[in-house]
């Protein structure tokens, strides 16, 4: 028997002014995306902004539906749009921000399991890491890749691919 450990490491910034300019701008795009979310039931508005290797930014927001769980997450919306409309371009990083009562949440909000899986799949499809930036009022977390969010993830390798 072997005991193995998985350790998650990330950078923690106290506010967006400590971030490099490009990451600060991406957080701003995520907040702007969140402000356009459709969340009439939870009033929890999430925005995601993807930075592509071309320098273009793709935004997405959560869209709720009265028939739970028929809605769509911000990360899923942005990733799907990028795959379809920016063929051949790679996602370099993603910033995620959430608004509650019209204000940025105190703590950073991580992606759900489904969105983590999509981010891992996109990393594998594109052959490169996607930097994850999670923004909150009290802290901003920066992870070097999506694998850090879900160390024992299910991938195409599990399917023999």
C-alpha atoms as a PDB file:
ATOM      1  CA  UNK A   1       0.000   0.000   0.000  1.00  0.00           C
ATOM      2  CA  UNK A   2       1.147   3.539  -0.744  1.00  0.00           C
ATOM      3  CA  UNK A   3      -0.085   6.719   0.775  1.00  0.00           C
ATOM      4  CA  UNK A   4      -0.070   9.637  -1.632  1.00  0.00           C
ATOM      5  CA  UNK A   5      -0.815  13.280  -1.092  1.00  0.00           C
ATOM      6  CA  UNK A   6      -2.022  15.981  -3.362  1.00  0.00           C
ATOM      7  CA  UNK A   7      -1.148  19.507  -2.339  1.00  0.00           C
ATOM      8  CA  UNK A   8      -2.799  22.522  -3.878  1.00  0.00           C
ATOM      9  CA  UNK A   9      -0.699  25.637  -4.057  1.00  0.00           C
ATOM     10  CA  UNK A  10      -1.830  29.044  -5.241  1.00  0.00           C
ATOM     11  CA  UNK A  11      -0.931  32.681  -4.951  1.00  0.00           C
ATOM     12  CA  UNK A  12      -3.114  34.850  -2.743  1.00  0.00           C
ATOM     13  CA  UNK A  13      -3.341  38.581  -3.349  1.00  0.00           C
ATOM     14  CA  UNK A  14      -5.087  40.906  -0.927  1.00  0.00           C
ATOM     15  CA  UNK A  15      -6.625  42.994  -3.710  1.00  0.00           C
ATOM     16  CA  UNK A  16      -6.664  43.378  -7.478  1.00  0.00           C
ATOM     17  CA  UNK A  17      -4.130  46.221  -7.401  1.00  0.00           C
ATOM     18  CA  UNK A  18      -1.428  43.652  -6.555  1.00  0.00           C
ATOM     19  CA  UNK A  19      -2.159  41.693  -9.741  1.00  0.00           C
ATOM     20  CA  UNK A  20      -0.232  42.134 -12.993  1.00  0.00           C
ATOM     21  CA  UNK A  21      -2.098  44.583 -15.260  1.00  0.00           C
ATOM     22  CA  UNK A  22      -3.427  41.926 -17.650  1.00  0.00           C
ATOM     23  CA  UNK A  23      -4.864  39.842 -14.793  1.00  0.00           C
ATOM     24  CA  UNK A  24      -6.368  42.928 -13.148  1.00  0.00           C
ATOM     25  CA  UNK A  25      -8.071  43.802 -16.446  1.00  0.00           C
ATOM     26  CA  UNK A  26      -9.366  40.232 -16.779  1.00  0.00           C
ATOM     27  CA  UNK A  27     -10.880  40.414 -13.283  1.00  0.00           C
ATOM     28  CA  UNK A  28     -12.607  43.646 -14.356  1.00  0.00           C
ATOM     29  CA  UNK A  29     -14.023  41.819 -17.387  1.00  0.00           C
ATOM     30  CA  UNK A  30     -15.310  39.007 -15.142  1.00  0.00           C
ATOM     31  CA  UNK A  31     -17.022  41.512 -12.838  1.00  0.00           C
ATOM     32  CA  UNK A  32     -18.576  43.214 -15.875  1.00  0.00           C
ATOM     33  CA  UNK A  33     -19.780  39.832 -17.140  1.00  0.00           C
ATOM     34  CA  UNK A  34     -21.277  39.034 -13.718  1.00  0.00           C
ATOM     35  CA  UNK A  35     -23.275  42.256 -13.795  1.00  0.00           C
ATOM     36  CA  UNK A  36     -25.024  40.934 -16.900  1.00  0.00           C
ATOM     37  CA  UNK A  37     -25.948  37.556 -15.434  1.00  0.00           C
ATOM     38  CA  UNK A  38     -29.561  36.385 -15.394  1.00  0.00           C
ATOM     39  CA  UNK A  39     -30.113  35.229 -11.814  1.00  0.00           C
ATOM     40  CA  UNK A  40     -33.708  36.076 -10.817  1.00  0.00           C
ATOM     41  CA  UNK A  41     -33.960  33.180  -8.344  1.00  0.00           C
ATOM     42  CA  UNK A  42     -30.687  33.097  -6.431  1.00  0.00           C
ATOM     43  CA  UNK A  43     -29.585  36.678  -7.134  1.00  0.00           C
ATOM     44  CA  UNK A  44     -26.071  35.190  -7.203  1.00  0.00           C
ATOM     45  CA  UNK A  45     -24.482  36.574 -10.335  1.00  0.00           C
ATOM     46  CA  UNK A  46     -21.316  34.949 -11.657  1.00  0.00           C
ATOM     47  CA  UNK A  47     -19.104  36.178 -14.463  1.00  0.00           C
ATOM     48  CA  UNK A  48     -16.180  34.578 -16.241  1.00  0.00           C
ATOM     49  CA  UNK A  49     -13.679  36.164 -18.595  1.00  0.00           C
ATOM     50  CA  UNK A  50     -11.332  34.088 -20.732  1.00  0.00           C
ATOM     51  CA  UNK A  51      -8.110  35.475 -22.137  1.00  0.00           C
ATOM     52  CA  UNK A  52      -7.219  33.826 -25.440  1.00  0.00           C
ATOM     53  CA  UNK A  53      -3.697  33.473 -26.818  1.00  0.00           C
ATOM     54  CA  UNK A  54      -4.676  36.051 -29.459  1.00  0.00           C
ATOM     55  CA  UNK A  55      -5.263  38.652 -26.721  1.00  0.00           C
ATOM     56  CA  UNK A  56      -9.041  38.553 -27.216  1.00  0.00           C
ATOM     57  CA  UNK A  57     -11.342  38.279 -24.193  1.00  0.00           C
ATOM     58  CA  UNK A  58     -14.477  36.137 -24.126  1.00  0.00           C
ATOM     59  CA  UNK A  59     -17.032  36.727 -21.379  1.00  0.00           C
ATOM     60  CA  UNK A  60     -19.773  34.547 -19.985  1.00  0.00           C
ATOM     61  CA  UNK A  61     -22.339  34.832 -17.194  1.00  0.00           C
ATOM     62  CA  UNK A  62     -24.576  32.415 -15.375  1.00  0.00           C
ATOM     63  CA  UNK A  63     -28.096  32.044 -16.707  1.00  0.00           C
ATOM     64  CA  UNK A  64     -30.654  30.598 -14.298  1.00  0.00           C
ATOM     65  CA  UNK A  65     -33.849  28.795 -15.148  1.00  0.00           C
ATOM     66  CA  UNK A  66     -36.918  28.091 -13.033  1.00  0.00           C
ATOM     67  CA  UNK A  67     -36.503  24.396 -13.872  1.00  0.00           C
ATOM     68  CA  UNK A  68     -33.336  23.726 -11.864  1.00  0.00           C
ATOM     69  CA  UNK A  69     -30.699  22.692 -12.921  1.00  0.00           C
ATOM     70  CA  UNK A  70     -31.448  23.780 -16.491  1.00  0.00           C
ATOM     71  CA  UNK A  71     -29.354  26.930 -16.188  1.00  0.00           C
ATOM     72  CA  UNK A  72     -25.789  27.436 -17.279  1.00  0.00           C
ATOM     73  CA  UNK A  73     -22.685  28.483 -15.369  1.00  0.00           C
ATOM     74  CA  UNK A  74     -20.595  31.495 -16.387  1.00  0.00           C
ATOM     75  CA  UNK A  75     -17.484  29.405 -17.015  1.00  0.00           C
ATOM     76  CA  UNK A  76     -19.399  26.912 -19.138  1.00  0.00           C
ATOM     77  CA  UNK A  77     -21.004  29.711 -21.158  1.00  0.00           C
ATOM     78  CA  UNK A  78     -17.669  31.413 -21.856  1.00  0.00           C
ATOM     79  CA  UNK A  79     -15.827  28.182 -22.692  1.00  0.00           C
ATOM     80  CA  UNK A  80     -18.552  26.981 -25.041  1.00  0.00           C
ATOM     81  CA  UNK A  81     -18.625  30.344 -26.838  1.00  0.00           C
ATOM     82  CA  UNK A  82     -14.836  30.358 -27.203  1.00  0.00           C
ATOM     83  CA  UNK A  83     -14.688  26.810 -28.597  1.00  0.00           C
ATOM     84  CA  UNK A  84     -17.324  27.568 -31.229  1.00  0.00           C
ATOM     85  CA  UNK A  85     -16.375  31.128 -32.185  1.00  0.00           C
ATOM     86  CA  UNK A  86     -12.600  31.207 -31.745  1.00  0.00           C
ATOM     87  CA  UNK A  87     -11.565  27.936 -33.349  1.00  0.00           C
ATOM     88  CA  UNK A  88      -7.855  27.246 -33.070  1.00  0.00           C
ATOM     89  CA  UNK A  89      -7.249  29.837 -30.359  1.00  0.00           C
ATOM     90  CA  UNK A  90      -6.190  28.691 -26.912  1.00  0.00           C
ATOM     91  CA  UNK A  91      -7.529  29.820 -23.562  1.00  0.00           C
ATOM     92  CA  UNK A  92      -4.586  31.206 -21.562  1.00  0.00           C
ATOM     93  CA  UNK A  93      -6.420  32.230 -18.395  1.00  0.00           C
ATOM     94  CA  UNK A  94      -9.843  32.634 -16.869  1.00  0.00           C
ATOM     95  CA  UNK A  95     -11.006  35.089 -14.215  1.00  0.00           C
ATOM     96  CA  UNK A  96     -14.127  34.291 -12.209  1.00  0.00           C
ATOM     97  CA  UNK A  97     -16.030  36.786 -10.068  1.00  0.00           C
ATOM     98  CA  UNK A  98     -19.389  36.645  -8.319  1.00  0.00           C
ATOM     99  CA  UNK A  99     -21.752  39.386  -7.195  1.00  0.00           C
ATOM    100  CA  UNK A 100     -24.200  39.027  -4.330  1.00  0.00           C
ATOM    101  CA  UNK A 101     -26.588  41.898  -3.694  1.00  0.00           C
ATOM    102  CA  UNK A 102     -24.795  43.843  -6.444  1.00  0.00           C
ATOM    103  CA  UNK A 103     -21.385  43.669  -4.773  1.00  0.00           C
ATOM    104  CA  UNK A 104     -18.357  41.434  -5.271  1.00  0.00           C
ATOM    105  CA  UNK A 105     -18.465  38.502  -2.852  1.00  0.00           C
ATOM    106  CA  UNK A 106     -16.156  38.710   0.135  1.00  0.00           C
ATOM    107  CA  UNK A 107     -14.423  35.403  -0.625  1.00  0.00           C
ATOM    108  CA  UNK A 108     -13.356  34.194  -4.078  1.00  0.00           C
ATOM    109  CA  UNK A 109     -15.869  31.796  -5.626  1.00  0.00           C
ATOM    110  CA  UNK A 110     -14.379  28.662  -7.207  1.00  0.00           C
ATOM    111  CA  UNK A 111     -15.971  26.904 -10.180  1.00  0.00           C
ATOM    112  CA  UNK A 112     -18.366  24.019  -9.613  1.00  0.00           C
ATOM    113  CA  UNK A 113     -17.305  20.449 -10.364  1.00  0.00           C
ATOM    114  CA  UNK A 114     -18.841  20.475 -13.844  1.00  0.00           C
ATOM    115  CA  UNK A 115     -16.951  23.651 -14.777  1.00  0.00           C
ATOM    116  CA  UNK A 116     -13.728  22.282 -13.306  1.00  0.00           C
ATOM    117  CA  UNK A 117     -14.138  19.253 -15.543  1.00  0.00           C
ATOM    118  CA  UNK A 118     -14.685  21.498 -18.575  1.00  0.00           C
ATOM    119  CA  UNK A 119     -11.585  23.543 -17.760  1.00  0.00           C
ATOM    120  CA  UNK A 120      -9.467  20.397 -17.440  1.00  0.00           C
ATOM    121  CA  UNK A 121     -10.808  19.103 -20.750  1.00  0.00           C
ATOM    122  CA  UNK A 122     -10.014  22.432 -22.429  1.00  0.00           C
ATOM    123  CA  UNK A 123      -6.465  22.312 -21.064  1.00  0.00           C
ATOM    124  CA  UNK A 124      -6.009  18.847 -22.514  1.00  0.00           C
ATOM    125  CA  UNK A 125      -7.623  19.763 -25.830  1.00  0.00           C
ATOM    126  CA  UNK A 126      -5.430  22.819 -26.287  1.00  0.00           C
ATOM    127  CA  UNK A 127      -2.271  21.235 -24.891  1.00  0.00           C
ATOM    128  CA  UNK A 128      -1.517  23.983 -22.382  1.00  0.00           C
ATOM    129  CA  UNK A 129      -2.372  25.182 -18.890  1.00  0.00           C
ATOM    130  CA  UNK A 130      -5.179  27.617 -18.152  1.00  0.00           C
ATOM    131  CA  UNK A 131      -4.372  30.026 -15.323  1.00  0.00           C
ATOM    132  CA  UNK A 132      -7.306  30.326 -12.903  1.00  0.00           C
ATOM    133  CA  UNK A 133      -7.994  33.699 -11.224  1.00  0.00           C
ATOM    134  CA  UNK A 134     -10.669  33.683  -8.509  1.00  0.00           C
ATOM    135  CA  UNK A 135     -11.636  37.178  -7.359  1.00  0.00           C
ATOM    136  CA  UNK A 136     -13.244  38.290  -4.109  1.00  0.00           C
ATOM    137  CA  UNK A 137     -13.148  41.458  -2.003  1.00  0.00           C
ATOM    138  CA  UNK A 138     -10.891  40.043   0.706  1.00  0.00           C
ATOM    139  CA  UNK A 139      -8.602  37.971  -1.535  1.00  0.00           C
ATOM    140  CA  UNK A 140      -7.764  36.924  -5.054  1.00  0.00           C
ATOM    141  CA  UNK A 141      -6.470  33.399  -5.656  1.00  0.00           C
ATOM    142  CA  UNK A 142      -4.349  32.564  -8.690  1.00  0.00           C
ATOM    143  CA  UNK A 143      -3.755  28.938  -9.632  1.00  0.00           C
ATOM    144  CA  UNK A 144      -1.335  27.986 -12.389  1.00  0.00           C
ATOM    145  CA  UNK A 145      -3.694  25.476 -14.010  1.00  0.00           C
ATOM    146  CA  UNK A 146      -7.094  23.872 -13.704  1.00  0.00           C
ATOM    147  CA  UNK A 147      -5.609  20.539 -12.615  1.00  0.00           C
ATOM    148  CA  UNK A 148      -4.898  22.244  -9.269  1.00  0.00           C
ATOM    149  CA  UNK A 149      -8.666  22.565  -8.780  1.00  0.00           C
ATOM    150  CA  UNK A 150      -9.299  18.854  -9.250  1.00  0.00           C
ATOM    151  CA  UNK A 151      -6.167  16.721  -8.850  1.00  0.00           C
ATOM    152  CA  UNK A 152      -7.811  13.323  -9.409  1.00  0.00           C
ATOM    153  CA  UNK A 153      -9.818  14.336 -12.447  1.00  0.00           C
ATOM    154  CA  UNK A 154     -11.496  12.107 -15.013  1.00  0.00           C
ATOM    155  CA  UNK A 155      -9.944  12.605 -18.451  1.00  0.00           C
ATOM    156  CA  UNK A 156      -9.804  11.021 -21.869  1.00  0.00           C
ATOM    157  CA  UNK A 157      -6.943   8.874 -20.581  1.00  0.00           C
ATOM    158  CA  UNK A 158      -9.484   7.120 -18.356  1.00  0.00           C
ATOM    159  CA  UNK A 159     -11.357   6.184 -21.517  1.00  0.00           C
ATOM    160  CA  UNK A 160      -8.209   4.764 -23.069  1.00  0.00           C
ATOM    161  CA  UNK A 161      -7.816   7.819 -25.317  1.00  0.00           C
END
